[in-house]
Amino acid sequence: MKGRLFAPRLVLLHLVFLAAVVASGWLGWWQWERAHEAGGSFQNLGYALQWPLFGGFALFLWYQVVRMVNGTELHRQGESITVPSATGHSESAGEDATERTTGGARRRSPVPPPAPPVTEEEDPELAEYNRYLAELNAAARSR
């Protein structure tokens, strides 16, 4: 997992985030010093307080990238992800919406399984809307 964080394309991204944090820290310090000089103003003081926020945001984005890379790695190792189903019960993501690859790992299908049909007694509005969509689909296929 850690080896993936140090892939060549990610090392450059880590360096860009590091440069952004260092630059925002330096710019914040520079604006702080400028605000205390004879020609300084409240605008300089405002910038001195904003630059560290930009650096903090860069750290937050870096953290999200690291989480995303680690999450992708966990998903590739075949970890099961629990998702809520339409019935309200938790089920593994590997039941209906996945398929097995040659390596034995599960991969999520880009198309979700079709929803069960709704009868007129369960929800009349939804049943009518589904009939309308079926008519549109039939009309589009007949062209």
C-alpha atoms as a PDB file:
ATOM      1  CA  MET A   1       0.000   0.000   0.000  1.00  0.00           C
ATOM      2  CA  LYS A   2       2.776   2.437   0.895  1.00  0.00           C
ATOM      3  CA  GLY A   3       4.633   1.544  -2.293  1.00  0.00           C
ATOM      4  CA  ARG A   4       1.699   2.840  -4.296  1.00  0.00           C
ATOM      5  CA  LEU A   5       1.913   6.218  -2.539  1.00  0.00           C
ATOM      6  CA  PHE A   6       5.439   6.634  -3.840  1.00  0.00           C
ATOM      7  CA  ALA A   7       4.726   5.855  -7.481  1.00  0.00           C
ATOM      8  CA  PRO A   8       6.589   8.278  -9.787  1.00  0.00           C
ATOM      9  CA  ARG A   9       3.492  10.250 -10.796  1.00  0.00           C
ATOM     10  CA  LEU A  10       2.377  10.570  -7.170  1.00  0.00           C
ATOM     11  CA  VAL A  11       5.800  11.669  -5.937  1.00  0.00           C
ATOM     12  CA  LEU A  12       5.515  14.712  -8.182  1.00  0.00           C
ATOM     13  CA  LEU A  13       2.044  15.397  -6.796  1.00  0.00           C
ATOM     14  CA  HIS A  14       3.357  15.120  -3.213  1.00  0.00           C
ATOM     15  CA  LEU A  15       6.085  17.618  -4.104  1.00  0.00           C
ATOM     16  CA  VAL A  16       3.534  20.032  -5.567  1.00  0.00           C
ATOM     17  CA  PHE A  17       1.466  19.854  -2.368  1.00  0.00           C
ATOM     18  CA  LEU A  18       4.593  20.350  -0.264  1.00  0.00           C
ATOM     19  CA  ALA A  19       5.596  23.359  -2.376  1.00  0.00           C
ATOM     20  CA  ALA A  20       2.092  24.826  -1.997  1.00  0.00           C
ATOM     21  CA  VAL A  21       2.192  24.482   1.804  1.00  0.00           C
ATOM     22  CA  VAL A  22       5.701  25.958   2.066  1.00  0.00           C
ATOM     23  CA  ALA A  23       4.876  28.804  -0.330  1.00  0.00           C
ATOM     24  CA  SER A  24       1.660  29.683   1.486  1.00  0.00           C
ATOM     25  CA  GLY A  25       3.486  29.666   4.820  1.00  0.00           C
ATOM     26  CA  TRP A  26       6.222  31.902   3.460  1.00  0.00           C
ATOM     27  CA  LEU A  27       3.692  34.278   1.862  1.00  0.00           C
ATOM     28  CA  GLY A  28       1.715  34.454   5.095  1.00  0.00           C
ATOM     29  CA  TRP A  29       4.877  35.343   7.042  1.00  0.00           C
ATOM     30  CA  TRP A  30       5.846  37.932   4.403  1.00  0.00           C
ATOM     31  CA  GLN A  31       2.416  39.580   4.577  1.00  0.00           C
ATOM     32  CA  TRP A  32       2.575  39.553   8.396  1.00  0.00           C
ATOM     33  CA  GLU A  33       5.923  41.368   8.303  1.00  0.00           C
ATOM     34  CA  ARG A  34       4.652  43.754   5.639  1.00  0.00           C
ATOM     35  CA  ALA A  35       1.589  44.594   7.779  1.00  0.00           C
ATOM     36  CA  HIS A  36       3.865  45.704  10.628  1.00  0.00           C
ATOM     37  CA  GLU A  37       6.045  47.960   8.465  1.00  0.00           C
ATOM     38  CA  ALA A  38       5.399  51.675   8.033  1.00  0.00           C
ATOM     39  CA  GLY A  39       3.538  51.198   4.726  1.00  0.00           C
ATOM     40  CA  GLY A  40       1.563  48.183   5.921  1.00  0.00           C
ATOM     41  CA  SER A  41      -2.216  48.120   6.047  1.00  0.00           C
ATOM     42  CA  PHE A  42      -5.113  45.985   7.204  1.00  0.00           C
ATOM     43  CA  GLN A  43      -5.154  44.439   3.744  1.00  0.00           C
ATOM     44  CA  ASN A  44      -1.694  42.988   4.422  1.00  0.00           C
ATOM     45  CA  LEU A  45      -2.939  41.684   7.760  1.00  0.00           C
ATOM     46  CA  GLY A  46      -5.910  40.045   6.050  1.00  0.00           C
ATOM     47  CA  TYR A  47      -3.627  38.363   3.525  1.00  0.00           C
ATOM     48  CA  ALA A  48      -1.351  37.246   6.370  1.00  0.00           C
ATOM     49  CA  LEU A  49      -4.324  35.424   7.879  1.00  0.00           C
ATOM     50  CA  GLN A  50      -5.549  34.009   4.550  1.00  0.00           C
ATOM     51  CA  TRP A  51      -2.327  32.408   3.338  1.00  0.00           C
ATOM     52  CA  PRO A  52      -2.175  29.822   6.138  1.00  0.00           C
ATOM     53  CA  LEU A  53      -5.764  28.877   5.273  1.00  0.00           C
ATOM     54  CA  PHE A  54      -4.669  28.212   1.692  1.00  0.00           C
ATOM     55  CA  GLY A  55      -1.853  26.031   3.026  1.00  0.00           C
ATOM     56  CA  GLY A  56      -4.312  24.176   5.244  1.00  0.00           C
ATOM     57  CA  PHE A  57      -6.550  23.593   2.248  1.00  0.00           C
ATOM     58  CA  ALA A  58      -3.593  22.177   0.313  1.00  0.00           C
ATOM     59  CA  LEU A  59      -2.944  19.793   3.232  1.00  0.00           C
ATOM     60  CA  PHE A  60      -6.598  18.783   3.221  1.00  0.00           C
ATOM     61  CA  LEU A  61      -6.466  18.037  -0.524  1.00  0.00           C
ATOM     62  CA  TRP A  62      -3.264  16.039  -0.053  1.00  0.00           C
ATOM     63  CA  TYR A  63      -4.969  14.005   2.683  1.00  0.00           C
ATOM     64  CA  GLN A  64      -7.912  13.309   0.361  1.00  0.00           C
ATOM     65  CA  VAL A  65      -5.569  12.160  -2.418  1.00  0.00           C
ATOM     66  CA  VAL A  66      -3.791   9.797  -0.019  1.00  0.00           C
ATOM     67  CA  ARG A  67      -7.142   8.418   1.170  1.00  0.00           C
ATOM     68  CA  MET A  68      -8.284   7.972  -2.419  1.00  0.00           C
ATOM     69  CA  VAL A  69      -5.111   6.104  -3.376  1.00  0.00           C
ATOM     70  CA  ASN A  70      -5.366   3.885  -0.286  1.00  0.00           C
ATOM     71  CA  GLY A  71      -9.054   3.270  -0.920  1.00  0.00           C
ATOM     72  CA  THR A  72      -8.329   2.233  -4.482  1.00  0.00           C
ATOM     73  CA  GLU A  73      -5.660  -0.133  -3.204  1.00  0.00           C
ATOM     74  CA  LEU A  74      -8.058  -1.696  -0.683  1.00  0.00           C
ATOM     75  CA  HIS A  75     -10.674  -2.097  -3.395  1.00  0.00           C
ATOM     76  CA  ARG A  76      -8.139  -3.810  -5.644  1.00  0.00           C
ATOM     77  CA  GLN A  77      -7.197  -6.234  -2.879  1.00  0.00           C
ATOM     78  CA  GLY A  78     -10.801  -7.448  -2.863  1.00  0.00           C
ATOM     79  CA  GLU A  79     -12.035  -5.816   0.320  1.00  0.00           C
ATOM     80  CA  SER A  80     -15.805  -5.990   0.591  1.00  0.00           C
ATOM     81  CA  ILE A  81     -17.686  -2.727   0.768  1.00  0.00           C
ATOM     82  CA  THR A  82     -21.055  -2.689   2.522  1.00  0.00           C
ATOM     83  CA  VAL A  83     -23.748  -0.664   0.804  1.00  0.00           C
ATOM     84  CA  PRO A  84     -27.388  -0.173   1.762  1.00  0.00           C
ATOM     85  CA  SER A  85     -29.857  -1.962  -0.469  1.00  0.00           C
ATOM     86  CA  ALA A  86     -33.216  -0.753  -1.706  1.00  0.00           C
ATOM     87  CA  THR A  87     -34.937  -2.772   1.007  1.00  0.00           C
ATOM     88  CA  GLY A  88     -33.033  -0.951   3.750  1.00  0.00           C
ATOM     89  CA  HIS A  89     -30.858  -3.912   4.738  1.00  0.00           C
ATOM     90  CA  SER A  90     -27.088  -3.765   4.413  1.00  0.00           C
ATOM     91  CA  GLU A  91     -25.633  -6.081   1.850  1.00  0.00           C
ATOM     92  CA  SER A  92     -22.192  -6.601   0.478  1.00  0.00           C
ATOM     93  CA  ALA A  93     -21.399  -4.775  -2.729  1.00  0.00           C
ATOM     94  CA  GLY A  94     -20.301  -8.105  -4.114  1.00  0.00           C
ATOM     95  CA  GLU A  95     -23.725  -9.723  -4.345  1.00  0.00           C
ATOM     96  CA  ASP A  96     -25.631  -8.388  -7.341  1.00  0.00           C
ATOM     97  CA  ALA A  97     -23.681  -5.476  -8.742  1.00  0.00           C
ATOM     98  CA  THR A  98     -20.310  -7.214  -9.089  1.00  0.00           C
ATOM     99  CA  GLU A  99     -18.662  -9.702 -11.328  1.00  0.00           C
ATOM    100  CA  ARG A 100     -15.596 -11.842 -10.814  1.00  0.00           C
ATOM    101  CA  THR A 101     -12.405 -11.033 -12.676  1.00  0.00           C
ATOM    102  CA  THR A 102      -9.774 -13.589 -13.663  1.00  0.00           C
ATOM    103  CA  GLY A 103      -7.714 -12.875 -10.531  1.00  0.00           C
ATOM    104  CA  GLY A 104     -10.635 -13.680  -8.240  1.00  0.00           C
ATOM    105  CA  ALA A 105     -11.156 -10.046  -7.198  1.00  0.00           C
ATOM    106  CA  ARG A 106     -14.603  -8.555  -7.476  1.00  0.00           C
ATOM    107  CA  ARG A 107     -15.305  -5.561  -9.640  1.00  0.00           C
ATOM    108  CA  ARG A 108     -18.386  -3.384  -9.409  1.00  0.00           C
ATOM    109  CA  SER A 109     -20.575  -3.309 -12.486  1.00  0.00           C
ATOM    110  CA  PRO A 110     -21.102   0.180 -13.979  1.00  0.00           C
ATOM    111  CA  VAL A 111     -24.798  -0.614 -14.533  1.00  0.00           C
ATOM    112  CA  PRO A 112     -26.899  -1.301 -11.450  1.00  0.00           C
ATOM    113  CA  PRO A 113     -29.319  -4.225 -11.533  1.00  0.00           C
ATOM    114  CA  PRO A 114     -32.867  -3.349 -12.579  1.00  0.00           C
ATOM    115  CA  ALA A 115     -35.269  -2.418  -9.834  1.00  0.00           C
ATOM    116  CA  PRO A 116     -38.155  -4.773  -9.137  1.00  0.00           C
ATOM    117  CA  PRO A 117     -41.376  -3.774 -10.872  1.00  0.00           C
ATOM    118  CA  VAL A 118     -43.864  -1.699  -8.909  1.00  0.00           C
ATOM    119  CA  THR A 119     -47.513  -2.688  -8.955  1.00  0.00           C
ATOM    120  CA  GLU A 120     -50.474  -0.373  -9.022  1.00  0.00           C
ATOM    121  CA  GLU A 121     -51.339  -1.258  -5.403  1.00  0.00           C
ATOM    122  CA  GLU A 122     -47.888  -0.410  -4.017  1.00  0.00           C
ATOM    123  CA  ASP A 123     -47.433   3.036  -5.559  1.00  0.00           C
ATOM    124  CA  PRO A 124     -49.831   4.206  -8.287  1.00  0.00           C
ATOM    125  CA  GLU A 125     -47.801   7.305  -9.220  1.00  0.00           C
ATOM    126  CA  LEU A 126     -44.568   5.388  -9.573  1.00  0.00           C
ATOM    127  CA  ALA A 127     -46.284   2.650 -11.590  1.00  0.00           C
ATOM    128  CA  GLU A 128     -47.728   5.283 -13.943  1.00  0.00           C
ATOM    129  CA  TYR A 129     -44.338   6.946 -14.309  1.00  0.00           C
ATOM    130  CA  ASN A 130     -42.706   3.592 -15.077  1.00  0.00           C
ATOM    131  CA  ARG A 131     -45.336   2.926 -17.786  1.00  0.00           C
ATOM    132  CA  TYR A 132     -44.587   6.370 -19.253  1.00  0.00           C
ATOM    133  CA  LEU A 133     -40.851   5.615 -19.320  1.00  0.00           C
ATOM    134  CA  ALA A 134     -41.505   2.232 -20.939  1.00  0.00           C
ATOM    135  CA  GLU A 135     -43.565   3.946 -23.665  1.00  0.00           C
ATOM    136  CA  LEU A 136     -40.756   6.442 -24.290  1.00  0.00           C
ATOM    137  CA  ASN A 137     -38.237   3.622 -24.477  1.00  0.00           C
ATOM    138  CA  ALA A 138     -40.405   1.652 -26.915  1.00  0.00           C
ATOM    139  CA  ALA A 139     -40.872   4.760 -29.088  1.00  0.00           C
ATOM    140  CA  ALA A 140     -37.121   5.403 -29.125  1.00  0.00           C
ATOM    141  CA  ARG A 141     -36.361   1.792 -30.094  1.00  0.00           C
ATOM    142  CA  SER A 142     -38.912   1.818 -32.942  1.00  0.00           C
ATOM    143  CA  ARG A 143     -37.195   4.740 -34.702  1.00  0.00           C
END
